Amino acid sequence: MEIILMTILMGGTIALLFYIRSVFSSSKEVLTEAEPIVEPQKPAEKEKPKKKVNERKQKEVKSSFTHKWLLTSLKGHSKRILDMDFSPNGKFLVTTSEDETVILWPVKDFPAKEHKSYRCNLDYDHSIFIKWSPDSKAFILQKAITNCIEVHKVAKRPEGGYEFGVVKTFPAKHTTDIIGLGIASTGKFIATCSDKTDLILWNLKGDVLARVDTYHNLTYCVKVSPCGRFVATSGFTSDVKVWEVKFSRAGDFEKIGKAFDLPGHRSGVYNFAFTPDSSRMATISKDGTWKVYDTNVEYNKGQDVSIIVSGSYHGDSSHPSIVAISNDGQLVCIAQDKGLRFYSVLTGDLEAEIFEVHTEPITQVLFDSSGKYVVSAGDKHARVFHNVPGHRTAIQALNETMKKNASNTSVRDRIQMQIKEAEQALANIVN
């Protein structure tokens, strides 16, 4: 009997377990069926062409530049412009670029909408410096890779335009990088200098006339004065050294000798510039100041140069800067990084500033021979500005001159006429 009862209890327990299992299984199936089915979302299709167009448009916006004084932008190079120079006859601007080309731009076309240009292709190298010959019939280049000078002739074609040809290649004498190149207006010599202290004078045939140690430890800048008498250098030391290059009456080279120094800075001098008559020099230094000197002195008689004005410039003085001085010596333009600042020589005050002129640091800034334009280079374009600050400083100088000649009626009337003409010229540009 006990066995029968045990069997019944075990059977009932097993049946109960099967029932409970079936109940839970069915409820799980119901829950699973009740869950909403979420279909996986398809990834959004990428519009590749539109994305490329947008990127291109953004790049164009970044490279675009406008300013109320901007006359035009010279577009022709595909890479950064490293140097440029106005021809002595005032007819052309020449630019040289990392794209291994040199381009001639007629100055008379600056105000036009379309700019004629004449391209000279360089073979397997680019030039880092360029200067016109005194007769405006050739230009000289400092090649980057070969580290030597090349002379290119510029000839007018009978059918129109210009053609170019290499007429002379100088031997490579510098063992380190060149930091500057200049040619005398007399055509008697060319000057180059390395980033160390090696200054070399050449004749136009490519012969070395002299080698001089600049004693700057590191040399930053070398230039030949517009009068053709002097060569000047600046660098790590706080002075600018000026040498006179002497020739005999027969035209033979005699010697290069120290003429005078430009003292006054407390640190290295990044850059300097001459006025066209060589009577003034502008300098810019790592000490955060710029200066203009009166260099129209008889140094042979012991006369020293004097500082006309000294001022502090805006920006980071630890970054190398470039300086240019206007033809009348009344305005200084300082290029630092991508911007331009203009200072009055009369007052030392900041006259104007233009920001983000180029997309890369500025490599050169020049005043043209007429004084109407200021041209800068830094990326693949050259910017041509109306020299508005120059007109303003010219008016300042005329007013000061009129005060000094208040008692002289004829002089005062003549100056008043010049002021009116300058004011009218300024109004035409601004308005």
Protein backbone atom coordinates (compact mmCIF):
# COMPACT_ATOMS: atom_id res chain seq x y z
CA MET A 1 0.00 0.00 0.00
CA GLU A 2 2.81 2.37 0.86
CA ILE A 3 4.45 1.62 -2.46
CA ILE A 4 1.23 2.54 -4.29
CA LEU A 5 0.95 5.84 -2.39
CA MET A 6 4.57 6.73 -3.11
CA THR A 7 4.05 6.00 -6.80
CA ILE A 8 0.96 8.24 -6.94
CA LEU A 9 2.77 11.11 -5.16
CA MET A 10 5.79 10.89 -7.48
CA GLY A 11 3.54 10.79 -10.54
CA GLY A 12 1.64 13.85 -9.36
CA THR A 13 4.86 15.74 -8.65
CA ILE A 14 6.22 14.98 -12.13
CA ALA A 15 2.94 16.03 -13.72
CA LEU A 16 2.99 19.29 -11.76
CA LEU A 17 6.55 20.05 -12.91
CA PHE A 18 5.63 19.45 -16.58
CA TYR A 19 2.63 21.79 -16.19
CA ILE A 20 4.69 24.59 -14.64
CA ARG A 21 7.35 24.24 -17.37
CA SER A 22 4.76 24.50 -20.14
CA VAL A 23 3.22 27.62 -18.57
CA PHE A 24 6.55 29.51 -18.39
CA SER A 25 7.49 28.44 -21.90
CA SER A 26 4.27 29.78 -23.37
CA SER A 27 4.54 33.11 -21.49
CA LYS A 28 8.09 33.59 -22.81
CA GLU A 29 6.89 33.03 -26.36
CA VAL A 30 4.14 35.62 -25.87
CA LEU A 31 6.65 38.19 -24.57
CA THR A 32 8.99 37.53 -27.46
CA GLU A 33 6.21 37.98 -30.02
CA ALA A 34 5.09 41.22 -28.37
CA GLU A 35 8.49 42.94 -28.77
CA PRO A 36 8.43 45.38 -31.71
CA ILE A 37 10.71 44.52 -34.59
CA VAL A 38 13.14 47.36 -35.24
CA GLU A 39 14.57 47.34 -38.73
CA PRO A 40 18.22 48.37 -39.00
CA GLN A 41 18.60 51.85 -40.49
CA LYS A 42 20.48 52.15 -43.74
CA PRO A 43 23.56 54.36 -43.53
CA ALA A 44 23.07 57.73 -45.21
CA GLU A 45 24.60 57.87 -48.65
CA LYS A 46 27.62 60.15 -48.83
CA GLU A 47 27.34 62.83 -51.46
CA LYS A 48 30.96 62.79 -52.50
CA PRO A 49 30.76 65.32 -55.33
CA LYS A 50 28.96 67.89 -53.12
CA LYS A 51 31.51 67.44 -50.33
CA LYS A 52 34.38 68.11 -52.73
CA VAL A 53 32.64 71.19 -54.08
CA ASN A 54 32.08 72.51 -50.56
CA GLU A 55 35.74 71.94 -49.64
CA ARG A 56 36.85 73.77 -52.77
CA LYS A 57 34.54 76.67 -52.00
CA GLN A 58 35.91 76.90 -48.44
CA LYS A 59 39.47 77.02 -49.74
CA GLU A 60 38.52 79.77 -52.17
CA VAL A 61 36.95 81.79 -49.36
CA LYS A 62 40.07 81.40 -47.22
CA SER A 63 42.38 82.59 -50.00
CA SER A 64 40.18 85.53 -51.01
CA PHE A 65 41.16 88.98 -49.76
CA THR A 66 39.52 92.37 -50.10
CA HIS A 67 40.43 95.81 -48.82
CA LYS A 68 39.30 99.32 -49.68
CA TRP A 69 42.87 100.27 -50.71
CA LEU A 70 43.50 97.13 -52.77
CA LEU A 71 43.95 98.01 -56.43
CA THR A 72 44.47 94.47 -57.71
CA SER A 73 45.94 91.05 -57.05
CA LEU A 74 48.45 89.67 -59.53
CA LYS A 75 47.60 86.02 -60.13
CA GLY A 76 49.81 83.79 -62.23
CA HIS A 77 52.03 81.72 -59.97
CA SER A 78 50.95 78.31 -58.67
CA LYS A 79 53.18 78.42 -55.57
CA ARG A 80 54.51 80.99 -53.10
CA ILE A 81 56.26 84.11 -54.42
CA LEU A 82 59.68 84.44 -52.76
CA ASP A 83 60.94 87.77 -54.12
CA MET A 84 60.11 90.60 -56.52
CA ASP A 85 61.64 93.78 -57.90
CA PHE A 86 60.61 96.85 -59.91
CA SER A 87 62.63 97.59 -63.04
CA PRO A 88 64.72 100.80 -62.90
CA ASN A 89 62.72 102.25 -65.81
CA GLY A 90 59.53 101.76 -63.76
CA LYS A 91 57.79 99.70 -66.45
CA PHE A 92 57.79 96.22 -64.95
CA LEU A 93 57.43 94.27 -61.74
CA VAL A 94 59.18 90.89 -61.80
CA THR A 95 58.21 88.09 -59.40
CA THR A 96 59.91 84.76 -58.75
CA SER A 97 58.23 81.76 -57.17
CA GLU A 98 58.70 78.26 -55.81
CA ASP A 99 56.87 77.05 -58.93
CA GLU A 100 60.15 77.46 -60.92
CA THR A 101 58.90 80.44 -62.91
CA VAL A 102 59.57 84.15 -63.20
CA ILE A 103 56.76 86.47 -64.34
CA LEU A 104 57.01 90.00 -65.76
CA TRP A 105 54.04 92.25 -64.99
CA PRO A 106 53.62 95.60 -66.85
CA VAL A 107 53.02 98.30 -64.22
CA LYS A 108 50.75 100.25 -66.56
CA ASP A 109 48.26 97.34 -66.44
CA PHE A 110 47.87 97.43 -62.65
CA PRO A 111 44.64 99.51 -62.80
CA ALA A 112 43.17 97.30 -65.57
CA LYS A 113 40.84 94.35 -64.95
CA GLU A 114 43.02 92.01 -67.03
CA HIS A 115 46.78 91.86 -66.50
CA LYS A 116 49.23 90.95 -69.22
CA SER A 117 52.14 88.87 -68.02
CA TYR A 118 55.20 87.22 -69.53
CA ARG A 119 56.45 83.93 -68.09
CA CYS A 120 60.01 82.66 -67.89
CA ASN A 121 60.38 78.98 -66.99
CA LEU A 122 63.44 77.91 -65.01
CA ASP A 123 65.00 74.49 -65.51
CA TYR A 124 64.66 72.07 -62.56
CA ASP A 125 65.20 74.76 -59.92
CA HIS A 126 63.60 77.89 -58.52
CA SER A 127 65.11 81.21 -57.52
CA ILE A 128 64.96 82.72 -54.06
CA PHE A 129 66.09 86.26 -54.97
CA ILE A 130 65.74 88.38 -58.09
CA LYS A 131 67.02 91.81 -59.16
CA TRP A 132 66.81 93.83 -62.35
CA SER A 133 69.91 94.97 -64.20
CA PRO A 134 70.44 98.77 -64.28
CA ASP A 135 69.39 98.98 -67.95
CA SER A 136 66.17 96.97 -67.35
CA LYS A 137 67.22 94.53 -70.09
CA ALA A 138 68.09 91.58 -67.86
CA PHE A 139 67.50 90.18 -64.40
CA ILE A 140 69.75 88.20 -62.10
CA LEU A 141 68.59 85.25 -60.03
CA GLN A 142 69.90 83.40 -57.02
CA LYS A 143 69.10 79.73 -57.64
CA ALA A 144 67.95 77.68 -54.66
CA ILE A 145 69.36 74.19 -55.28
CA THR A 146 72.54 75.03 -57.20
CA ASN A 147 73.19 78.02 -54.88
CA CYS A 148 74.53 80.17 -57.72
CA ILE A 149 73.68 83.30 -59.72
CA GLU A 150 72.14 83.20 -63.18
CA VAL A 151 71.79 86.17 -65.54
CA HIS A 152 68.74 86.11 -67.83
CA LYS A 153 68.40 88.43 -70.80
CA VAL A 154 64.99 89.96 -71.55
CA ALA A 155 64.39 90.65 -75.25
CA LYS A 156 61.35 92.00 -77.04
CA ARG A 157 59.89 89.77 -79.73
CA PRO A 158 59.13 91.28 -83.15
CA GLU A 159 55.62 89.80 -83.04
CA GLY A 160 55.06 91.12 -79.52
CA GLY A 161 55.80 89.90 -76.03
CA TYR A 162 59.15 89.01 -74.52
CA GLU A 163 61.58 86.13 -74.61
CA PHE A 164 64.17 85.10 -72.06
CA GLY A 165 67.53 83.38 -72.15
CA VAL A 166 70.33 82.49 -69.76
CA VAL A 167 73.46 84.43 -70.73
CA LYS A 168 75.67 83.73 -67.71
CA THR A 169 75.89 81.31 -64.81
CA PHE A 170 78.22 82.23 -61.95
CA PRO A 171 80.23 79.59 -60.10
CA ALA A 172 78.92 78.51 -56.70
CA LYS A 173 81.23 80.05 -54.09
CA HIS A 174 79.09 80.19 -50.97
CA THR A 175 79.06 77.02 -48.85
CA THR A 176 75.87 77.88 -46.93
CA ASP A 177 72.49 79.39 -47.88
CA ILE A 178 72.33 82.84 -49.47
CA ILE A 179 70.31 85.47 -47.59
CA GLY A 180 70.42 88.30 -50.13
CA LEU A 181 71.38 89.57 -53.56
CA GLY A 182 71.97 93.06 -54.94
CA ILE A 183 73.37 94.80 -58.01
CA ALA A 184 74.88 98.28 -58.22
CA SER A 185 73.02 100.88 -60.28
CA THR A 186 76.35 101.56 -62.00
CA GLY A 187 76.48 97.96 -63.19
CA LYS A 188 79.98 97.56 -61.77
CA PHE A 189 79.33 94.85 -59.19
CA ILE A 190 76.92 92.33 -57.69
CA ALA A 191 76.80 91.49 -53.99
CA THR A 192 75.74 88.24 -52.33
CA CYS A 193 75.99 87.11 -48.72
CA SER A 194 75.56 83.80 -46.92
CA ASP A 195 73.62 83.26 -43.72
CA LYS A 196 76.97 83.05 -41.91
CA THR A 197 79.34 85.99 -42.51
CA ASP A 198 80.58 85.53 -46.07
CA LEU A 199 79.99 88.65 -48.21
CA ILE A 200 81.13 88.33 -51.84
CA LEU A 201 81.45 91.05 -54.49
CA TRP A 202 81.32 89.92 -58.13
CA ASN A 203 81.79 91.63 -61.46
CA LEU A 204 79.19 91.02 -64.14
CA LYS A 205 81.35 88.33 -65.73
CA GLY A 206 81.09 86.14 -62.65
CA ASP A 207 84.57 86.85 -61.27
CA VAL A 208 85.01 87.37 -57.52
CA LEU A 209 86.23 90.89 -56.76
CA ALA A 210 86.42 90.60 -52.97
CA ARG A 211 85.30 88.56 -49.96
CA VAL A 212 84.48 90.23 -46.65
CA ASP A 213 83.63 88.91 -43.20
CA THR A 214 80.52 90.73 -41.96
CA TYR A 215 81.26 89.94 -38.28
CA HIS A 216 77.55 89.55 -37.56
CA ASN A 217 77.89 85.93 -36.33
CA LEU A 218 74.73 85.33 -38.36
CA THR A 219 73.83 87.61 -41.28
CA TYR A 220 70.14 88.33 -41.95
CA CYS A 221 70.15 90.91 -44.74
CA VAL A 222 72.40 92.37 -47.47
CA LYS A 223 71.56 95.20 -49.88
CA VAL A 224 73.31 97.48 -52.35
CA SER A 225 72.48 101.16 -52.02
CA PRO A 226 70.52 102.70 -54.94
CA CYS A 227 73.41 105.14 -55.58
CA GLY A 228 75.68 102.15 -56.25
CA ARG A 229 78.41 103.23 -53.82
CA PHE A 230 77.62 101.14 -50.75
CA VAL A 231 76.89 97.60 -49.60
CA ALA A 232 75.19 97.16 -46.22
CA THR A 233 74.59 94.12 -44.03
CA SER A 234 72.71 93.36 -40.81
CA GLY A 235 72.37 90.32 -38.61
CA PHE A 236 72.67 88.95 -35.12
CA THR A 237 74.62 91.98 -33.90
CA SER A 238 72.77 95.20 -33.03
CA ASP A 239 74.27 97.39 -35.78
CA VAL A 240 74.03 97.75 -39.55
CA LYS A 241 77.43 97.80 -41.25
CA VAL A 242 77.90 99.91 -44.38
CA TRP A 243 80.88 99.46 -46.74
CA GLU A 244 81.94 101.65 -49.63
CA VAL A 245 82.98 99.90 -52.85
CA LYS A 246 85.66 101.89 -54.68
CA PHE A 247 86.68 101.80 -58.34
CA SER A 248 89.43 103.66 -60.18
CA ARG A 249 88.72 106.33 -62.78
CA ALA A 250 89.36 103.69 -65.41
CA GLY A 251 86.60 101.57 -63.88
CA ASP A 252 88.79 98.96 -62.24
CA PHE A 253 87.90 97.61 -58.82
CA GLU A 254 90.16 98.91 -56.06
CA LYS A 255 88.79 97.89 -52.66
CA ILE A 256 85.85 97.61 -50.30
CA GLY A 257 86.25 99.53 -47.05
CA LYS A 258 84.17 100.25 -43.99
CA ALA A 259 82.21 103.51 -44.34
CA PHE A 260 79.99 103.79 -41.25
CA ASP A 261 77.65 101.89 -38.92
CA LEU A 262 74.03 102.45 -37.96
CA PRO A 263 74.02 102.17 -34.15
CA GLY A 264 71.19 102.44 -31.64
CA HIS A 265 69.43 99.09 -31.55
CA ARG A 266 69.77 96.79 -28.55
CA SER A 267 69.39 93.51 -30.45
CA GLY A 268 69.80 92.00 -33.92
CA VAL A 269 68.56 93.90 -36.97
CA TYR A 270 66.20 91.81 -39.10
CA ASN A 271 66.03 94.03 -42.15
CA PHE A 272 66.76 97.51 -43.54
CA ALA A 273 65.95 99.62 -46.59
CA PHE A 274 67.28 102.65 -48.50
CA THR A 275 65.39 105.59 -50.00
CA PRO A 276 65.98 105.89 -53.79
CA ASP A 277 68.55 108.67 -53.27
CA SER A 278 70.33 106.70 -50.50
CA SER A 279 70.00 109.67 -48.13
CA ARG A 280 67.93 107.75 -45.57
CA MET A 281 67.86 104.21 -44.23
CA ALA A 282 65.12 102.45 -42.28
CA THR A 283 65.82 99.53 -39.93
CA ILE A 284 63.76 97.05 -37.91
CA SER A 285 65.15 95.11 -34.98
CA LYS A 286 64.43 92.22 -32.68
CA ASP A 287 64.39 94.76 -29.83
CA GLY A 288 60.88 95.81 -30.95
CA THR A 289 61.85 99.16 -32.51
CA TRP A 290 62.20 100.64 -35.98
CA LYS A 291 64.42 103.60 -36.83
CA VAL A 292 65.10 105.96 -39.72
CA TYR A 293 68.63 107.36 -40.13
CA ASP A 294 70.03 110.33 -42.00
CA THR A 295 72.80 108.72 -44.07
CA ASN A 296 73.54 111.75 -46.23
CA VAL A 297 76.82 112.38 -44.39
CA GLU A 298 80.45 113.01 -45.25
CA TYR A 299 81.83 110.13 -43.26
CA ASN A 300 85.33 110.71 -44.65
CA LYS A 301 85.35 113.97 -42.72
CA GLY A 302 84.23 112.31 -39.51
CA GLN A 303 80.55 113.16 -39.80
CA ASP A 304 78.32 110.58 -38.10
CA VAL A 305 74.90 109.37 -39.15
CA SER A 306 71.99 110.53 -36.99
CA ILE A 307 68.64 109.01 -36.03
CA ILE A 308 65.72 110.97 -37.47
CA VAL A 309 63.01 108.99 -35.68
CA SER A 310 62.72 105.88 -33.57
CA GLY A 311 59.52 104.08 -32.68
CA SER A 312 58.12 100.82 -31.34
CA TYR A 313 56.29 98.56 -33.72
CA HIS A 314 53.22 96.45 -33.01
CA GLY A 315 53.37 92.68 -33.20
CA ASP A 316 55.71 89.98 -31.95
CA SER A 317 59.32 91.19 -32.13
CA SER A 318 60.59 87.61 -31.91
CA HIS A 319 59.28 87.01 -35.44
CA PRO A 320 61.47 88.27 -38.33
CA SER A 321 60.09 91.35 -40.09
CA ILE A 322 60.66 93.25 -43.33
CA VAL A 323 60.87 97.04 -43.65
CA ALA A 324 60.42 99.38 -46.63
CA ILE A 325 60.68 103.17 -46.78
CA SER A 326 58.79 105.41 -49.19
CA ASN A 327 60.52 107.34 -51.95
CA ASP A 328 60.21 110.65 -50.09
CA GLY A 329 61.42 109.07 -46.84
CA GLN A 330 58.24 110.07 -44.97
CA LEU A 331 56.62 106.65 -44.51
CA VAL A 332 57.84 103.29 -43.23
CA CYS A 333 56.03 100.05 -44.03
CA ILE A 334 56.65 97.02 -41.81
CA ALA A 335 55.63 93.52 -42.89
CA GLN A 336 55.35 90.94 -40.15
CA ASP A 337 53.79 87.52 -40.56
CA LYS A 338 50.76 88.10 -42.86
CA GLY A 339 50.08 91.80 -42.21
CA LEU A 340 51.30 95.31 -43.05
CA ARG A 341 51.70 98.33 -40.76
CA PHE A 342 52.51 101.90 -41.80
CA TYR A 343 54.31 104.45 -39.61
CA SER A 344 54.85 108.17 -40.12
CA VAL A 345 58.50 109.24 -40.10
CA LEU A 346 57.40 112.74 -39.11
CA THR A 347 55.56 111.69 -35.93
CA GLY A 348 56.56 108.05 -35.38
CA ASP A 349 52.86 107.16 -35.07
CA LEU A 350 51.04 104.21 -36.56
CA GLU A 351 49.16 105.49 -39.61
CA ALA A 352 47.40 102.31 -40.75
CA GLU A 353 47.47 98.53 -40.61
CA ILE A 354 46.16 95.82 -42.91
CA PHE A 355 45.66 92.32 -41.52
CA GLU A 356 45.79 88.89 -43.20
CA VAL A 357 47.00 90.27 -46.52
CA HIS A 358 48.34 86.84 -47.47
CA THR A 359 47.68 83.25 -46.43
CA GLU A 360 51.39 82.75 -45.69
CA PRO A 361 54.04 85.02 -44.11
CA ILE A 362 55.01 87.99 -46.26
CA THR A 363 58.29 87.54 -48.15
CA GLN A 364 58.68 91.02 -49.69
CA VAL A 365 57.14 94.50 -49.66
CA LEU A 366 58.02 97.35 -52.04
CA PHE A 367 57.04 100.91 -52.96
CA ASP A 368 56.97 101.54 -56.71
CA SER A 369 59.09 104.31 -58.24
CA SER A 370 56.12 106.68 -58.60
CA GLY A 371 55.12 106.30 -54.96
CA LYS A 372 51.54 105.46 -55.95
CA TYR A 373 51.59 101.79 -55.00
CA VAL A 374 52.67 99.44 -52.22
CA VAL A 375 53.13 95.83 -53.34
CA SER A 376 53.43 92.80 -51.08
CA ALA A 377 54.06 89.10 -51.70
CA GLY A 378 53.67 86.12 -49.40
CA ASP A 379 51.56 83.42 -51.02
CA LYS A 380 51.09 82.77 -54.74
CA HIS A 381 49.57 86.23 -55.30
CA ALA A 382 51.08 89.72 -55.24
CA ARG A 383 48.83 92.41 -53.73
CA VAL A 384 48.94 95.94 -55.17
CA PHE A 385 47.62 98.64 -52.81
CA HIS A 386 47.04 102.34 -53.31
CA ASN A 387 49.61 104.13 -51.18
CA VAL A 388 46.99 105.93 -49.09
CA PRO A 389 49.26 106.30 -46.02
CA GLY A 390 51.91 107.80 -48.29
CA HIS A 391 49.52 110.54 -49.43
CA ARG A 392 48.64 111.31 -45.82
CA THR A 393 52.24 111.54 -44.63
CA ALA A 394 53.11 113.69 -47.67
CA ILE A 395 50.37 116.13 -46.62
CA GLN A 396 51.74 116.09 -43.04
CA ALA A 397 55.23 116.93 -44.30
CA LEU A 398 53.93 119.73 -46.55
CA ASN A 399 52.03 121.30 -43.67
CA GLU A 400 55.16 121.26 -41.51
CA THR A 401 57.17 122.83 -44.32
CA MET A 402 54.54 125.54 -44.74
CA LYS A 403 54.76 126.39 -41.02
CA LYS A 404 58.51 126.87 -41.34
CA ASN A 405 58.04 129.16 -44.36
CA ALA A 406 55.02 131.12 -43.11
CA SER A 407 56.68 134.47 -43.86
CA ASN A 408 57.57 133.59 -47.45
CA THR A 409 54.41 134.20 -49.49
CA SER A 410 55.55 132.58 -52.74
CA VAL A 411 56.79 129.43 -51.00
CA ARG A 412 53.63 129.23 -48.89
CA ASP A 413 51.39 129.55 -51.97
CA ARG A 414 53.32 126.86 -53.80
CA ILE A 415 53.08 124.48 -50.84
CA GLN A 416 49.35 125.16 -50.48
CA MET A 417 48.91 124.18 -54.12
CA GLN A 418 50.84 120.94 -53.52
CA ILE A 419 48.68 120.19 -50.47
CA LYS A 420 45.49 120.67 -52.50
CA GLU A 421 46.79 118.34 -55.22
CA ALA A 422 47.75 115.71 -52.64
CA GLU A 423 44.37 116.00 -50.91
CA GLN A 424 42.55 115.66 -54.24
CA ALA A 425 44.61 112.59 -55.16
CA LEU A 426 43.80 111.06 -51.77
CA ALA A 427 40.10 111.85 -52.14
CA ASN A 428 40.00 110.17 -55.57
CA ILE A 429 41.38 106.96 -54.06
CA VAL A 430 39.34 106.89 -50.87
CA ASN A 431 36.07 107.89 -52.51
